[in-house]
Amino acid sequence: MKRIICLCLMALSVPPVCAGEGCPPQGYSREQLLDLRAGGFVLESAQDRDALALSLTACLSEPDPAVRDGVVFEGLSTWLRSGQLSPDTLKSLYATLLIQLGDTGDPNGFQQPFAALVLSEVARTDRIDPWMTAAMRGELVVSAARYLSAISDYRGFSETGGWRHGVAHGSDLVLQLVLNPNIDTGQVALLMNAVAEQVAPAGAVFYVYGEPGRLARAVFYAYTRGQVDEAFWQAWFERVSNPAPLDGWGAAFTSQAGLAKRHNTMEFLLAMHLSASSVEGELPERLDGLVMQAITRTSAG
């Protein structure tokens, strides 16, 4: 895996950085990582901080939530949001995380969701102070859309393993992208089509970990950019409120899969209504009109 990551990074024309052989990174114990978290992730040496940031990507598949979530995500988020990582480190993080986002090899299912979550923080840095090329943003948009569309692991929280939360983390990445003014209209549409795939996934999947709200947040900000035309949004909300493959919404009450579809669709639409009706302005008002039409369609039985 280390060899593959290095080769892929060189192909992406960024400084090749190989993820560490394992987790914890070389030179650190679990206890030292937890101490670093307790101390607010303060590392005086910028070089040491950059090196550790890159090494921590090897821990995204770590089953221990205290390390994966508590140290890796929180630490990287702290350094990214405070501008403490070098430009070369940002580029290498981007490339490494992009590879991990597409890697389905983690049997425990942690790596992809956490790669998406950390990538949302990397994408945020580019939104705040642009540093990515247009090609890099385009690659990230396609990868984010592909990841979110393909999610089939709907596990949320486990008291032993902590969070996976793929749909929510994928939505967070989409959110940071649609907030970026350098993402164009076609790219926003691509991301919204990926969101539509997960509003009500096939089968008896009942969202109970806040996924509809995270999806709705991304859609709200995509709409209120005001750049994608109304015809797209009319068709989009008709799509997510379509009962197919059910004959109609009344048929939802005859199967677990149907009940899940209605539950997830309504939870999403109600979250959209709450977002749109809580903000004044022409765009939120128009959005709420589309949402209420969709709620009416979904309520019909």
C-alpha atoms as a PDB file:
ATOM      1  CA  MET A   1       0.000   0.000   0.000  1.00  0.00           C
ATOM      2  CA  LYS A   2       2.823   2.401   0.810  1.00  0.00           C
ATOM      3  CA  ARG A   3       4.378   1.833  -2.613  1.00  0.00           C
ATOM      4  CA  ILE A   4       1.043   2.345  -4.379  1.00  0.00           C
ATOM      5  CA  ILE A   5       0.371   5.613  -2.568  1.00  0.00           C
ATOM      6  CA  CYS A   6       3.800   6.982  -3.445  1.00  0.00           C
ATOM      7  CA  LEU A   7       3.389   6.168  -7.131  1.00  0.00           C
ATOM      8  CA  CYS A   8      -0.069   7.714  -7.270  1.00  0.00           C
ATOM      9  CA  LEU A   9       1.161  10.903  -5.626  1.00  0.00           C
ATOM     10  CA  MET A  10       3.931  11.262  -8.189  1.00  0.00           C
ATOM     11  CA  ALA A  11       1.366  10.783 -10.960  1.00  0.00           C
ATOM     12  CA  LEU A  12      -0.634  13.657  -9.487  1.00  0.00           C
ATOM     13  CA  SER A  13       2.418  15.951  -9.704  1.00  0.00           C
ATOM     14  CA  VAL A  14       2.528  16.813  -6.018  1.00  0.00           C
ATOM     15  CA  PRO A  15       5.389  16.234  -3.592  1.00  0.00           C
ATOM     16  CA  PRO A  16       5.425  12.443  -3.098  1.00  0.00           C
ATOM     17  CA  VAL A  17       4.739  11.635   0.525  1.00  0.00           C
ATOM     18  CA  CYS A  18       4.320   8.052   1.648  1.00  0.00           C
ATOM     19  CA  ALA A  19       1.904   7.355   4.460  1.00  0.00           C
ATOM     20  CA  GLY A  20       3.527   5.691   7.438  1.00  0.00           C
ATOM     21  CA  GLU A  21       3.751   1.937   7.674  1.00  0.00           C
ATOM     22  CA  GLY A  22       1.236   1.840  10.478  1.00  0.00           C
ATOM     23  CA  CYS A  23      -0.542   3.541  13.279  1.00  0.00           C
ATOM     24  CA  PRO A  24       0.556   5.106  15.579  1.00  0.00           C
ATOM     25  CA  PRO A  25       3.130   6.850  13.339  1.00  0.00           C
ATOM     26  CA  GLN A  26       6.786   6.022  13.864  1.00  0.00           C
ATOM     27  CA  GLY A  27       8.145   7.803  16.924  1.00  0.00           C
ATOM     28  CA  TYR A  28       4.778   8.115  18.655  1.00  0.00           C
ATOM     29  CA  SER A  29       2.884   5.858  21.014  1.00  0.00           C
ATOM     30  CA  ARG A  30      -0.881   5.918  21.461  1.00  0.00           C
ATOM     31  CA  GLU A  31      -0.393   7.616  24.814  1.00  0.00           C
ATOM     32  CA  GLN A  32       1.774  10.318  23.261  1.00  0.00           C
ATOM     33  CA  LEU A  33      -0.867  11.014  20.634  1.00  0.00           C
ATOM     34  CA  LEU A  34      -3.534  11.316  23.316  1.00  0.00           C
ATOM     35  CA  ASP A  35      -1.253  13.630  25.302  1.00  0.00           C
ATOM     36  CA  LEU A  36      -0.838  15.766  22.186  1.00  0.00           C
ATOM     37  CA  ARG A  37      -4.611  16.058  21.939  1.00  0.00           C
ATOM     38  CA  ALA A  38      -4.904  16.934  25.623  1.00  0.00           C
ATOM     39  CA  GLY A  39      -2.395  19.712  25.059  1.00  0.00           C
ATOM     40  CA  GLY A  40      -4.329  21.255  22.187  1.00  0.00           C
ATOM     41  CA  PHE A  41      -2.138  19.773  19.419  1.00  0.00           C
ATOM     42  CA  VAL A  42       0.660  22.221  20.098  1.00  0.00           C
ATOM     43  CA  LEU A  43       3.901  21.366  18.263  1.00  0.00           C
ATOM     44  CA  GLU A  44       6.479  24.130  18.221  1.00  0.00           C
ATOM     45  CA  SER A  45       8.367  22.766  15.209  1.00  0.00           C
ATOM     46  CA  ALA A  46       6.556  23.445  11.922  1.00  0.00           C
ATOM     47  CA  GLN A  47       8.584  20.674  10.300  1.00  0.00           C
ATOM     48  CA  ASP A  48       7.517  18.162  12.946  1.00  0.00           C
ATOM     49  CA  ARG A  49       3.916  19.309  12.652  1.00  0.00           C
ATOM     50  CA  ASP A  50       3.899  18.881   8.860  1.00  0.00           C
ATOM     51  CA  ALA A  51       5.521  15.459   9.104  1.00  0.00           C
ATOM     52  CA  LEU A  52       3.075  14.246  11.748  1.00  0.00           C
ATOM     53  CA  ALA A  53       0.086  15.594   9.819  1.00  0.00           C
ATOM     54  CA  LEU A  54       1.052  13.472   6.828  1.00  0.00           C
ATOM     55  CA  SER A  55       1.845  10.421   8.930  1.00  0.00           C
ATOM     56  CA  LEU A  56      -1.516  10.599  10.669  1.00  0.00           C
ATOM     57  CA  THR A  57      -3.298   9.765   7.415  1.00  0.00           C
ATOM     58  CA  ALA A  58      -2.196   6.159   8.039  1.00  0.00           C
ATOM     59  CA  CYS A  59      -4.528   6.186  11.061  1.00  0.00           C
ATOM     60  CA  LEU A  60      -7.734   6.901   9.157  1.00  0.00           C
ATOM     61  CA  SER A  61      -8.531   3.184   9.185  1.00  0.00           C
ATOM     62  CA  GLU A  62      -7.580   2.837  12.853  1.00  0.00           C
ATOM     63  CA  PRO A  63     -10.374   0.988  14.744  1.00  0.00           C
ATOM     64  CA  ASP A  64      -9.676   2.948  17.942  1.00  0.00           C
ATOM     65  CA  PRO A  65     -11.979   6.012  17.852  1.00  0.00           C
ATOM     66  CA  ALA A  66      -9.870   7.847  20.418  1.00  0.00           C
ATOM     67  CA  VAL A  67      -7.040   7.882  17.886  1.00  0.00           C
ATOM     68  CA  ARG A  68      -8.942   8.053  14.583  1.00  0.00           C
ATOM     69  CA  ASP A  69     -11.542  10.640  15.549  1.00  0.00           C
ATOM     70  CA  GLY A  70     -10.040  12.198  18.651  1.00  0.00           C
ATOM     71  CA  VAL A  71      -6.464  12.621  17.439  1.00  0.00           C
ATOM     72  CA  VAL A  72      -6.357  12.319  13.643  1.00  0.00           C
ATOM     73  CA  PHE A  73      -9.453  14.269  12.678  1.00  0.00           C
ATOM     74  CA  GLU A  74      -9.352  16.767  15.528  1.00  0.00           C
ATOM     75  CA  GLY A  75      -5.627  17.347  15.138  1.00  0.00           C
ATOM     76  CA  LEU A  76      -5.702  17.810  11.381  1.00  0.00           C
ATOM     77  CA  SER A  77      -8.772  20.027  11.641  1.00  0.00           C
ATOM     78  CA  THR A  78      -7.074  22.160  14.304  1.00  0.00           C
ATOM     79  CA  TRP A  79      -3.948  22.660  12.188  1.00  0.00           C
ATOM     80  CA  LEU A  80      -5.875  23.215   8.949  1.00  0.00           C
ATOM     81  CA  ARG A  81      -8.261  25.757  10.434  1.00  0.00           C
ATOM     82  CA  SER A  82      -5.442  27.701  12.063  1.00  0.00           C
ATOM     83  CA  GLY A  83      -3.265  27.728   8.946  1.00  0.00           C
ATOM     84  CA  GLN A  84      -0.435  25.806  10.603  1.00  0.00           C
ATOM     85  CA  LEU A  85       0.376  23.448   7.705  1.00  0.00           C
ATOM     86  CA  SER A  86       2.654  24.374   4.828  1.00  0.00           C
ATOM     87  CA  PRO A  87       1.440  24.679   1.209  1.00  0.00           C
ATOM     88  CA  ASP A  88       3.359  21.539   0.229  1.00  0.00           C
ATOM     89  CA  THR A  89       1.766  19.651   3.104  1.00  0.00           C
ATOM     90  CA  LEU A  90      -1.702  20.768   1.988  1.00  0.00           C
ATOM     91  CA  LYS A  91      -1.014  19.455  -1.503  1.00  0.00           C
ATOM     92  CA  SER A  92       0.282  16.145  -0.215  1.00  0.00           C
ATOM     93  CA  LEU A  93      -2.643  15.757   2.185  1.00  0.00           C
ATOM     94  CA  TYR A  94      -5.023  16.429  -0.701  1.00  0.00           C
ATOM     95  CA  ALA A  95      -3.410  13.766  -2.875  1.00  0.00           C
ATOM     96  CA  THR A  96      -3.097  11.127  -0.166  1.00  0.00           C
ATOM     97  CA  LEU A  97      -6.667  11.630   1.058  1.00  0.00           C
ATOM     98  CA  LEU A  98      -8.021  11.493  -2.482  1.00  0.00           C
ATOM     99  CA  ILE A  99      -6.460   8.062  -2.890  1.00  0.00           C
ATOM    100  CA  GLN A 100      -7.851   6.900   0.442  1.00  0.00           C
ATOM    101  CA  LEU A 101     -11.308   8.198  -0.483  1.00  0.00           C
ATOM    102  CA  GLY A 102     -11.376   5.836  -3.426  1.00  0.00           C
ATOM    103  CA  ASP A 103      -9.801   2.884  -1.624  1.00  0.00           C
ATOM    104  CA  THR A 104     -12.381   0.302  -0.563  1.00  0.00           C
ATOM    105  CA  GLY A 105      -9.830  -1.967   1.077  1.00  0.00           C
ATOM    106  CA  ASP A 106     -10.546  -1.176   4.742  1.00  0.00           C
ATOM    107  CA  PRO A 107     -12.621  -4.123   5.978  1.00  0.00           C
ATOM    108  CA  ASN A 108     -13.795  -2.132   9.025  1.00  0.00           C
ATOM    109  CA  GLY A 109     -15.193   0.679   6.906  1.00  0.00           C
ATOM    110  CA  PHE A 110     -13.506   3.627   8.623  1.00  0.00           C
ATOM    111  CA  GLN A 111     -10.981   4.899   6.078  1.00  0.00           C
ATOM    112  CA  GLN A 112     -13.274   6.261   3.371  1.00  0.00           C
ATOM    113  CA  PRO A 113     -15.665   8.182   5.647  1.00  0.00           C
ATOM    114  CA  PHE A 114     -12.782   9.760   7.544  1.00  0.00           C
ATOM    115  CA  ALA A 115     -10.879  10.551   4.364  1.00  0.00           C
ATOM    116  CA  ALA A 116     -14.022  12.395   3.228  1.00  0.00           C
ATOM    117  CA  LEU A 117     -14.263  14.236   6.552  1.00  0.00           C
ATOM    118  CA  VAL A 118     -10.635  15.360   6.538  1.00  0.00           C
ATOM    119  CA  LEU A 119     -10.915  16.272   2.848  1.00  0.00           C
ATOM    120  CA  SER A 120     -13.792  18.567   3.803  1.00  0.00           C
ATOM    121  CA  GLU A 121     -11.348  20.437   6.030  1.00  0.00           C
ATOM    122  CA  VAL A 122      -8.746  20.543   3.246  1.00  0.00           C
ATOM    123  CA  ALA A 123     -11.417  21.828   0.840  1.00  0.00           C
ATOM    124  CA  ARG A 124     -12.342  24.479   3.399  1.00  0.00           C
ATOM    125  CA  THR A 125      -8.795  25.871   3.365  1.00  0.00           C
ATOM    126  CA  ASP A 126      -9.077  26.349  -0.408  1.00  0.00           C
ATOM    127  CA  ARG A 127     -12.446  28.051   0.021  1.00  0.00           C
ATOM    128  CA  ILE A 128     -11.033  30.471   2.577  1.00  0.00           C
ATOM    129  CA  ASP A 129      -7.752  31.160   0.757  1.00  0.00           C
ATOM    130  CA  PRO A 130      -7.641  29.574  -2.726  1.00  0.00           C
ATOM    131  CA  TRP A 131      -4.577  27.429  -3.449  1.00  0.00           C
ATOM    132  CA  MET A 132      -5.865  24.547  -5.552  1.00  0.00           C
ATOM    133  CA  THR A 133      -5.656  24.619  -9.328  1.00  0.00           C
ATOM    134  CA  ALA A 134      -8.882  24.348 -11.311  1.00  0.00           C
ATOM    135  CA  ALA A 135      -7.859  20.803 -12.242  1.00  0.00           C
ATOM    136  CA  MET A 136      -7.425  19.843  -8.588  1.00  0.00           C
ATOM    137  CA  ARG A 137     -10.840  21.246  -7.681  1.00  0.00           C
ATOM    138  CA  GLY A 138     -12.399  19.426 -10.603  1.00  0.00           C
ATOM    139  CA  GLU A 139     -10.785  16.177  -9.525  1.00  0.00           C
ATOM    140  CA  LEU A 140     -12.014  16.670  -5.970  1.00  0.00           C
ATOM    141  CA  VAL A 141     -15.576  17.393  -7.142  1.00  0.00           C
ATOM    142  CA  VAL A 142     -15.664  14.230  -9.259  1.00  0.00           C
ATOM    143  CA  SER A 143     -14.167  12.136  -6.451  1.00  0.00           C
ATOM    144  CA  ALA A 144     -16.587  13.549  -3.861  1.00  0.00           C
ATOM    145  CA  ALA A 145     -19.581  12.898  -6.115  1.00  0.00           C
ATOM    146  CA  ARG A 146     -18.387   9.390  -6.928  1.00  0.00           C
ATOM    147  CA  TYR A 147     -17.817   8.559  -3.271  1.00  0.00           C
ATOM    148  CA  LEU A 148     -21.163   9.880  -2.022  1.00  0.00           C
ATOM    149  CA  SER A 149     -23.119   8.230  -4.824  1.00  0.00           C
ATOM    150  CA  ALA A 150     -21.517   4.842  -4.213  1.00  0.00           C
ATOM    151  CA  ILE A 151     -21.925   4.623  -0.430  1.00  0.00           C
ATOM    152  CA  SER A 152     -23.552   1.370   0.622  1.00  0.00           C
ATOM    153  CA  ASP A 153     -22.283   1.183   4.220  1.00  0.00           C
ATOM    154  CA  TYR A 154     -24.845   3.019   6.330  1.00  0.00           C
ATOM    155  CA  ARG A 155     -23.426   2.285   9.747  1.00  0.00           C
ATOM    156  CA  GLY A 156     -23.381   5.364  11.954  1.00  0.00           C
ATOM    157  CA  PHE A 157     -22.226   5.120  15.560  1.00  0.00           C
ATOM    158  CA  SER A 158     -20.913   2.119  17.463  1.00  0.00           C
ATOM    159  CA  GLU A 159     -20.044   2.234  21.149  1.00  0.00           C
ATOM    160  CA  THR A 160     -16.934   0.165  20.447  1.00  0.00           C
ATOM    161  CA  GLY A 161     -15.828   1.562  17.071  1.00  0.00           C
ATOM    162  CA  GLY A 162     -17.192   5.094  17.225  1.00  0.00           C
ATOM    163  CA  TRP A 163     -18.392   6.794  14.048  1.00  0.00           C
ATOM    164  CA  ARG A 164     -18.318   5.728  10.422  1.00  0.00           C
ATOM    165  CA  HIS A 165     -21.112   8.031   9.156  1.00  0.00           C
ATOM    166  CA  GLY A 166     -20.234   7.900   5.467  1.00  0.00           C
ATOM    167  CA  VAL A 167     -23.284   9.806   4.193  1.00  0.00           C
ATOM    168  CA  ALA A 168     -22.819  12.625   6.707  1.00  0.00           C
ATOM    169  CA  HIS A 169     -19.086  12.910   6.092  1.00  0.00           C
ATOM    170  CA  GLY A 170     -19.578  12.808   2.337  1.00  0.00           C
ATOM    171  CA  SER A 171     -22.178  15.558   2.714  1.00  0.00           C
ATOM    172  CA  ASP A 172     -19.709  17.673   4.686  1.00  0.00           C
ATOM    173  CA  LEU A 173     -17.248  17.431   1.799  1.00  0.00           C
ATOM    174  CA  VAL A 174     -19.973  18.400  -0.683  1.00  0.00           C
ATOM    175  CA  LEU A 175     -20.922  21.337   1.547  1.00  0.00           C
ATOM    176  CA  GLN A 176     -17.419  22.789   1.524  1.00  0.00           C
ATOM    177  CA  LEU A 177     -17.269  22.432  -2.252  1.00  0.00           C
ATOM    178  CA  VAL A 178     -20.608  24.090  -3.006  1.00  0.00           C
ATOM    179  CA  LEU A 179     -19.661  26.971  -0.709  1.00  0.00           C
ATOM    180  CA  ASN A 180     -16.557  27.588  -2.839  1.00  0.00           C
ATOM    181  CA  PRO A 181     -17.189  30.285  -5.479  1.00  0.00           C
ATOM    182  CA  ASN A 182     -14.541  28.667  -7.687  1.00  0.00           C
ATOM    183  CA  ILE A 183     -16.753  25.592  -8.145  1.00  0.00           C
ATOM    184  CA  ASP A 184     -18.811  26.167 -11.302  1.00  0.00           C
ATOM    185  CA  THR A 185     -22.489  25.544 -11.990  1.00  0.00           C
ATOM    186  CA  GLY A 186     -21.943  22.206 -13.711  1.00  0.00           C
ATOM    187  CA  GLN A 187     -19.872  20.970 -10.789  1.00  0.00           C
ATOM    188  CA  VAL A 188     -22.573  22.027  -8.320  1.00  0.00           C
ATOM    189  CA  ALA A 189     -25.128  20.088 -10.369  1.00  0.00           C
ATOM    190  CA  LEU A 190     -22.881  17.003 -10.335  1.00  0.00           C
ATOM    191  CA  LEU A 191     -22.598  17.183  -6.547  1.00  0.00           C
ATOM    192  CA  MET A 192     -26.346  17.662  -6.138  1.00  0.00           C
ATOM    193  CA  ASN A 193     -27.051  14.608  -8.273  1.00  0.00           C
ATOM    194  CA  ALA A 194     -24.802  12.641  -5.910  1.00  0.00           C
ATOM    195  CA  VAL A 195     -26.757  13.962  -2.921  1.00  0.00           C
ATOM    196  CA  ALA A 196     -30.014  12.870  -4.566  1.00  0.00           C
ATOM    197  CA  GLU A 197     -28.703   9.296  -4.691  1.00  0.00           C
ATOM    198  CA  GLN A 198     -28.486   9.188  -0.884  1.00  0.00           C
ATOM    199  CA  VAL A 199     -31.650  11.023   0.170  1.00  0.00           C
ATOM    200  CA  ALA A 200     -33.465   7.678   0.307  1.00  0.00           C
ATOM    201  CA  PRO A 201     -31.132   4.767  -0.515  1.00  0.00           C
ATOM    202  CA  ALA A 202     -32.536   1.465  -1.710  1.00  0.00           C
ATOM    203  CA  GLY A 203     -33.520  -1.149   0.836  1.00  0.00           C
ATOM    204  CA  ALA A 204     -34.611  -1.024   4.449  1.00  0.00           C
ATOM    205  CA  VAL A 205     -32.112   1.659   5.454  1.00  0.00           C
ATOM    206  CA  PHE A 206     -33.554   3.993   8.096  1.00  0.00           C
ATOM    207  CA  TYR A 207     -31.475   7.100   8.756  1.00  0.00           C
ATOM    208  CA  VAL A 208     -31.208   7.615  12.505  1.00  0.00           C
ATOM    209  CA  TYR A 209     -27.865   9.411  12.855  1.00  0.00           C
ATOM    210  CA  GLY A 210     -28.755  12.847  11.493  1.00  0.00           C
ATOM    211  CA  GLU A 211     -27.905  12.094   7.853  1.00  0.00           C
ATOM    212  CA  PRO A 212     -30.931  13.947   6.369  1.00  0.00           C
ATOM    213  CA  GLY A 213     -29.896  17.163   8.089  1.00  0.00           C
ATOM    214  CA  ARG A 214     -26.349  16.956   6.777  1.00  0.00           C
ATOM    215  CA  LEU A 215     -27.592  16.283   3.236  1.00  0.00           C
ATOM    216  CA  ALA A 216     -30.088  19.142   3.522  1.00  0.00           C
ATOM    217  CA  ARG A 217     -27.406  21.590   4.644  1.00  0.00           C
ATOM    218  CA  ALA A 218     -25.384  20.931   1.493  1.00  0.00           C
ATOM    219  CA  VAL A 219     -28.466  21.372  -0.708  1.00  0.00           C
ATOM    220  CA  PHE A 220     -29.488  24.585   1.061  1.00  0.00           C
ATOM    221  CA  TYR A 221     -26.154  26.262   0.372  1.00  0.00           C
ATOM    222  CA  ALA A 222     -26.005  24.935  -3.177  1.00  0.00           C
ATOM    223  CA  TYR A 223     -29.422  26.446  -3.901  1.00  0.00           C
ATOM    224  CA  THR A 224     -28.761  29.787  -2.225  1.00  0.00           C
ATOM    225  CA  ARG A 225     -25.701  30.342  -4.421  1.00  0.00           C
ATOM    226  CA  GLY A 226     -28.368  31.377  -6.927  1.00  0.00           C
ATOM    227  CA  GLN A 227     -26.400  30.081  -9.917  1.00  0.00           C
ATOM    228  CA  VAL A 228     -28.134  26.825 -10.843  1.00  0.00           C
ATOM    229  CA  ASP A 229     -31.351  27.516 -12.759  1.00  0.00           C
ATOM    230  CA  GLU A 230     -34.823  26.844 -11.397  1.00  0.00           C
ATOM    231  CA  ALA A 231     -35.555  24.165 -13.990  1.00  0.00           C
ATOM    232  CA  PHE A 232     -32.762  22.052 -12.543  1.00  0.00           C
ATOM    233  CA  TRP A 233     -34.072  22.454  -9.002  1.00  0.00           C
ATOM    234  CA  GLN A 234     -37.676  21.770  -9.973  1.00  0.00           C
ATOM    235  CA  ALA A 235     -36.574  18.512 -11.591  1.00  0.00           C
ATOM    236  CA  TRP A 236     -34.273  17.740  -8.657  1.00  0.00           C
ATOM    237  CA  PHE A 237     -37.009  18.004  -6.026  1.00  0.00           C
ATOM    238  CA  GLU A 238     -39.405  16.064  -8.242  1.00  0.00           C
ATOM    239  CA  ARG A 239     -36.752  13.352  -8.409  1.00  0.00           C
ATOM    240  CA  VAL A 240     -36.226  13.058  -4.655  1.00  0.00           C
ATOM    241  CA  SER A 241     -39.987  13.078  -3.971  1.00  0.00           C
ATOM    242  CA  ASN A 242     -40.745  10.459  -6.624  1.00  0.00           C
ATOM    243  CA  PRO A 243     -42.027   7.236  -5.002  1.00  0.00           C
ATOM    244  CA  ALA A 244     -40.479   4.958  -7.663  1.00  0.00           C
ATOM    245  CA  PRO A 245     -39.877   2.036  -7.602  1.00  0.00           C
ATOM    246  CA  LEU A 246     -43.058   2.089  -5.485  1.00  0.00           C
ATOM    247  CA  ASP A 247     -46.309   2.468  -7.410  1.00  0.00           C
ATOM    248  CA  GLY A 248     -47.151   5.415  -5.189  1.00  0.00           C
ATOM    249  CA  TRP A 249     -46.417   6.777  -1.740  1.00  0.00           C
ATOM    250  CA  GLY A 250     -49.360   4.844  -0.344  1.00  0.00           C
ATOM    251  CA  ALA A 251     -47.505   1.646  -1.161  1.00  0.00           C
ATOM    252  CA  ALA A 252     -44.733   2.689   1.214  1.00  0.00           C
ATOM    253  CA  PHE A 253     -46.752   1.337   4.139  1.00  0.00           C
ATOM    254  CA  THR A 254     -46.599  -2.249   2.900  1.00  0.00           C
ATOM    255  CA  SER A 255     -42.865  -3.006   3.238  1.00  0.00           C
ATOM    256  CA  GLN A 256     -39.833  -2.137   5.319  1.00  0.00           C
ATOM    257  CA  ALA A 257     -38.044  -0.779   2.252  1.00  0.00           C
ATOM    258  CA  GLY A 258     -41.063   1.401   1.451  1.00  0.00           C
ATOM    259  CA  LEU A 259     -41.299   2.701   4.995  1.00  0.00           C
ATOM    260  CA  ALA A 260     -37.576   3.495   4.971  1.00  0.00           C
ATOM    261  CA  LYS A 261     -37.903   5.377   1.690  1.00  0.00           C
ATOM    262  CA  ARG A 262     -40.783   7.476   2.996  1.00  0.00           C
ATOM    263  CA  HIS A 263     -39.111   8.044   6.368  1.00  0.00           C
ATOM    264  CA  ASN A 264     -35.806   9.179   4.840  1.00  0.00           C
ATOM    265  CA  THR A 265     -37.444  11.340   2.178  1.00  0.00           C
ATOM    266  CA  MET A 266     -39.675  13.114   4.675  1.00  0.00           C
ATOM    267  CA  GLU A 267     -36.839  13.619   7.159  1.00  0.00           C
ATOM    268  CA  PHE A 268     -34.767  15.201   4.408  1.00  0.00           C
ATOM    269  CA  LEU A 269     -37.576  17.444   3.189  1.00  0.00           C
ATOM    270  CA  LEU A 270     -38.481  18.548   6.707  1.00  0.00           C
ATOM    271  CA  ALA A 271     -34.831  19.401   7.355  1.00  0.00           C
ATOM    272  CA  MET A 272     -34.847  21.402   4.114  1.00  0.00           C
ATOM    273  CA  HIS A 273     -38.025  23.205   5.188  1.00  0.00           C
ATOM    274  CA  LEU A 274     -36.498  24.085   8.551  1.00  0.00           C
ATOM    275  CA  SER A 275     -33.387  25.508   6.868  1.00  0.00           C
ATOM    276  CA  ALA A 276     -35.243  27.456   4.191  1.00  0.00           C
ATOM    277  CA  SER A 277     -37.969  28.851   6.452  1.00  0.00           C
ATOM    278  CA  SER A 278     -35.467  30.001   9.081  1.00  0.00           C
ATOM    279  CA  VAL A 279     -33.720  32.482   6.779  1.00  0.00           C
ATOM    280  CA  GLU A 280     -35.185  35.619   5.250  1.00  0.00           C
ATOM    281  CA  GLY A 281     -34.684  36.450   1.613  1.00  0.00           C
ATOM    282  CA  GLU A 282     -35.978  35.732  -1.874  1.00  0.00           C
ATOM    283  CA  LEU A 283     -33.848  32.648  -2.489  1.00  0.00           C
ATOM    284  CA  PRO A 284     -34.727  30.823   0.758  1.00  0.00           C
ATOM    285  CA  GLU A 285     -38.388  31.664   0.145  1.00  0.00           C
ATOM    286  CA  ARG A 286     -38.272  30.197  -3.373  1.00  0.00           C
ATOM    287  CA  LEU A 287     -36.449  27.151  -2.066  1.00  0.00           C
ATOM    288  CA  ASP A 288     -39.070  26.607   0.615  1.00  0.00           C
ATOM    289  CA  GLY A 289     -41.747  26.731  -2.055  1.00  0.00           C
ATOM    290  CA  LEU A 290     -40.073  23.850  -3.904  1.00  0.00           C
ATOM    291  CA  VAL A 291     -39.641  21.956  -0.651  1.00  0.00           C
ATOM    292  CA  MET A 292     -43.295  22.340   0.346  1.00  0.00           C
ATOM    293  CA  GLN A 293     -44.390  21.082  -3.077  1.00  0.00           C
ATOM    294  CA  ALA A 294     -42.185  18.036  -2.561  1.00  0.00           C
ATOM    295  CA  ILE A 295     -43.575  17.467   0.943  1.00  0.00           C
ATOM    296  CA  THR A 296     -47.113  17.609  -0.441  1.00  0.00           C
ATOM    297  CA  ARG A 297     -46.251  15.038  -3.111  1.00  0.00           C
ATOM    298  CA  THR A 298     -44.608  12.750  -0.562  1.00  0.00           C
ATOM    299  CA  SER A 299     -47.515  13.069   1.874  1.00  0.00           C
ATOM    300  CA  ALA A 300     -50.022  11.961  -0.744  1.00  0.00           C
ATOM    301  CA  GLY A 301     -51.050   8.403  -0.235  1.00  0.00           C
END
